C-alpha atoms as a PDB file:
ATOM      1  CA  MET A   1      96.207 134.818 112.195  1.00  0.00           C
ATOM      2  CA  THR A   2      98.449 134.082 114.710  1.00  0.00           C
ATOM      3  CA  GLU A   3      96.082 133.152 117.804  1.00  0.00           C
ATOM      4  CA  ASN A   4      96.884 129.408 117.614  1.00  0.00           C
ATOM      5  CA  MET A   5     100.590 129.935 117.390  1.00  0.00           C
ATOM      6  CA  ILE A   6     103.067 128.943 120.273  1.00  0.00           C
ATOM      7  CA  SER A   7     106.088 130.902 120.647  1.00  0.00           C
ATOM      8  CA  THR A   8     109.431 129.368 121.457  1.00  0.00           C
ATOM      9  CA  GLU A   9     109.191 131.219 124.929  1.00  0.00           C
ATOM     10  CA  ASP A  10     106.065 129.323 125.824  1.00  0.00           C
ATOM     11  CA  LYS A  11     107.679 125.897 125.360  1.00  0.00           C
ATOM     12  CA  PHE A  12     110.881 126.707 127.035  1.00  0.00           C
ATOM     13  CA  SER A  13     110.974 125.231 130.771  1.00  0.00           C
ATOM     14  CA  PRO A  14     114.648 124.851 132.059  1.00  0.00           C
ATOM     15  CA  ASP A  15     113.992 122.889 135.126  1.00  0.00           C
ATOM     16  CA  VAL A  16     116.639 124.325 136.920  1.00  0.00           C
ATOM     17  CA  THR A  17     117.284 123.833 140.802  1.00  0.00           C
ATOM     18  CA  LEU A  18     119.859 125.220 143.258  1.00  0.00           C
ATOM     19  CA  ALA A  19     120.486 123.632 146.502  1.00  0.00           C
ATOM     20  CA  ARG A  20     122.978 123.269 149.149  1.00  0.00           C
ATOM     21  CA  ASN A  21     123.819 119.492 149.976  1.00  0.00           C
ATOM     22  CA  ASP A  22     125.343 119.261 153.377  1.00  0.00           C
ATOM     23  CA  ALA A  23     126.017 115.626 153.270  1.00  0.00           C
ATOM     24  CA  ASP A  24     128.621 115.789 150.255  1.00  0.00           C
ATOM     25  CA  HIS A  25     129.916 119.412 151.257  1.00  0.00           C
ATOM     26  CA  CYS A  26     128.564 121.438 148.240  1.00  0.00           C
ATOM     27  CA  TYR A  27     126.001 123.692 146.559  1.00  0.00           C
ATOM     28  CA  GLU A  28     124.605 121.881 143.320  1.00  0.00           C
ATOM     29  CA  LEU A  29     122.770 123.313 140.335  1.00  0.00           C
ATOM     30  CA  ARG A  30     120.833 120.697 138.625  1.00  0.00           C
ATOM     31  CA  VAL A  31     119.241 120.682 135.120  1.00  0.00           C
ATOM     32  CA  GLY A  32     116.286 118.495 134.423  1.00  0.00           C
ATOM     33  CA  GLY A  33     117.309 116.547 137.851  1.00  0.00           C
ATOM     34  CA  LYS A  34     120.874 115.893 136.567  1.00  0.00           C
ATOM     35  CA  ILE A  35     123.706 117.586 138.395  1.00  0.00           C
ATOM     36  CA  ALA A  36     125.415 120.195 136.068  1.00  0.00           C
ATOM     37  CA  VAL A  37     127.513 122.259 138.472  1.00  0.00           C
ATOM     38  CA  GLN A  38     128.771 121.358 142.140  1.00  0.00           C
ATOM     39  CA  CYS A  39     130.690 124.057 144.376  1.00  0.00           C
ATOM     40  CA  PHE A  40     132.448 122.061 147.063  1.00  0.00           C
ATOM     41  CA  PHE A  41     133.085 123.924 150.445  1.00  0.00           C
ATOM     42  CA  LEU A  42     134.376 123.285 154.087  1.00  0.00           C
ATOM     43  CA  ASP A  43     132.087 124.483 156.776  1.00  0.00           C
ATOM     44  CA  LYS A  44     134.124 126.154 159.326  1.00  0.00           C
ATOM     45  CA  PRO A  45     133.181 127.994 162.435  1.00  0.00           C
ATOM     46  CA  GLY A  46     132.121 131.581 161.110  1.00  0.00           C
ATOM     47  CA  HIS A  47     133.316 130.706 157.672  1.00  0.00           C
ATOM     48  CA  VAL A  48     132.648 128.673 154.495  1.00  0.00           C
ATOM     49  CA  ASP A  49     135.730 127.937 152.590  1.00  0.00           C
ATOM     50  CA  PHE A  50     134.925 127.212 148.932  1.00  0.00           C
ATOM     51  CA  THR A  51     137.667 124.693 147.557  1.00  0.00           C
ATOM     52  CA  SER A  52     136.538 123.867 144.034  1.00  0.00           C
ATOM     53  CA  THR A  53     133.853 124.099 141.511  1.00  0.00           C
ATOM     54  CA  GLU A  54     133.021 121.196 138.822  1.00  0.00           C
ATOM     55  CA  THR A  55     130.944 121.452 135.801  1.00  0.00           C
ATOM     56  CA  ALA A  56     129.600 118.284 134.095  1.00  0.00           C
ATOM     57  CA  GLU A  57     130.487 117.521 130.602  1.00  0.00           C
ATOM     58  CA  GLY A  58     127.424 118.983 128.404  1.00  0.00           C
ATOM     59  CA  PHE A  59     127.154 121.841 130.771  1.00  0.00           C
ATOM     60  CA  LYS A  60     130.082 123.731 130.336  1.00  0.00           C
ATOM     61  CA  GLY A  61     130.426 127.138 128.867  1.00  0.00           C
ATOM     62  CA  GLN A  62     126.767 127.959 129.511  1.00  0.00           C
ATOM     63  CA  GLY A  63     127.451 130.331 132.488  1.00  0.00           C
ATOM     64  CA  LEU A  64     125.789 127.597 134.957  1.00  0.00           C
ATOM     65  CA  GLY A  65     128.919 128.041 137.204  1.00  0.00           C
ATOM     66  CA  LYS A  66     128.349 131.654 137.842  1.00  0.00           C
ATOM     67  CA  VAL A  67     124.636 131.181 138.729  1.00  0.00           C
ATOM     68  CA  LEU A  68     125.582 128.583 141.304  1.00  0.00           C
ATOM     69  CA  VAL A  69     128.407 130.408 142.921  1.00  0.00           C
ATOM     70  CA  HIS A  70     126.275 133.619 143.162  1.00  0.00           C
ATOM     71  CA  PHE A  71     123.695 131.518 144.874  1.00  0.00           C
ATOM     72  CA  ALA A  72     126.224 129.728 147.127  1.00  0.00           C
ATOM     73  CA  LEU A  73     127.667 133.171 148.023  1.00  0.00           C
ATOM     74  CA  ASP A  74     124.315 134.774 149.035  1.00  0.00           C
ATOM     75  CA  ASP A  75     123.500 131.563 150.955  1.00  0.00           C
ATOM     76  CA  VAL A  76     126.813 132.112 152.977  1.00  0.00           C
ATOM     77  CA  VAL A  77     126.159 135.752 153.791  1.00  0.00           C
ATOM     78  CA  ALA A  78     122.333 135.372 154.489  1.00  0.00           C
ATOM     79  CA  ALA A  79     123.695 132.677 157.038  1.00  0.00           C
ATOM     80  CA  GLY A  80     125.955 135.429 158.690  1.00  0.00           C
ATOM     81  CA  LYS A  81     128.992 133.654 157.874  1.00  0.00           C
ATOM     82  CA  ARG A  82     132.002 134.896 156.122  1.00  0.00           C
ATOM     83  CA  ILE A  83     133.624 133.731 152.655  1.00  0.00           C
ATOM     84  CA  ILE A  84     136.895 132.133 152.236  1.00  0.00           C
ATOM     85  CA  PRO A  85     137.381 132.084 148.194  1.00  0.00           C
ATOM     86  CA  THR A  86     140.044 129.326 147.881  1.00  0.00           C
ATOM     87  CA  ASP A  87     138.498 127.782 144.789  1.00  0.00           C
ATOM     88  CA  PRO A  88     140.076 129.385 141.526  1.00  0.00           C
ATOM     89  CA  PHE A  89     136.571 129.778 140.172  1.00  0.00           C
ATOM     90  CA  VAL A  90     135.142 131.490 143.295  1.00  0.00           C
ATOM     91  CA  ALA A  91     138.074 134.054 143.808  1.00  0.00           C
ATOM     92  CA  PRO A  92     137.775 135.888 140.386  1.00  0.00           C
ATOM     93  CA  TYR A  93     133.998 135.992 140.999  1.00  0.00           C
ATOM     94  CA  VAL A  94     134.408 137.519 144.202  1.00  0.00           C
ATOM     95  CA  ARG A  95     136.945 140.067 142.847  1.00  0.00           C
ATOM     96  CA  ARG A  96     134.536 140.925 140.012  1.00  0.00           C
ATOM     97  CA  HIS A  97     131.517 141.542 142.481  1.00  0.00           C
ATOM     98  CA  GLU A  98     132.247 144.202 144.828  1.00  0.00           C
ATOM     99  CA  GLY A  99     129.084 143.583 146.786  1.00  0.00           C
ATOM    100  CA  TYR A 100     130.718 140.544 148.521  1.00  0.00           C
ATOM    101  CA  LYS A 101     134.008 142.521 149.572  1.00  0.00           C
ATOM    102  CA  GLN A 102     132.992 143.081 152.981  1.00  0.00           C
ATOM    103  CA  TYR A 103     132.159 139.426 153.527  1.00  0.00           C
ATOM    104  CA  VAL A 104     135.579 137.952 152.441  1.00  0.00           C
ATOM    105  CA  ASP A 105     138.402 136.726 154.199  1.00  0.00           C
ATOM    106  CA  TRP A 106     141.106 135.902 151.636  1.00  0.00           C
ATOM    107  CA  PRO A 107     142.901 132.468 152.058  1.00  0.00           C
ATOM    108  CA  GLU A 108     146.645 133.110 152.994  1.00  0.00           C
ATOM    109  CA  VAL A 109     148.663 132.269 149.907  1.00  0.00           C
END
């Protein structure tokens, strides 16, 4: 009988949080309370310029940066601002996701 068995799905609780940290000018993804990824920005009138994304050791290669960038871009769009993807991690993400195209002002090279 399997009535007393617990599946691994029942035990999995990732404890992931996403937030905008205005004091440090970044979006943060935390796992178990630890900062896993930070996406830094400059808040400009009508725009948010994404400047860099950093993933902490032990969290690299898990796709967490993409999750955070998606959250950050959606937050900017919801605030009625435009996206400046200066960050070499954010720029390719925006290019791959056509839904953001109308909200982007590309940085001058």
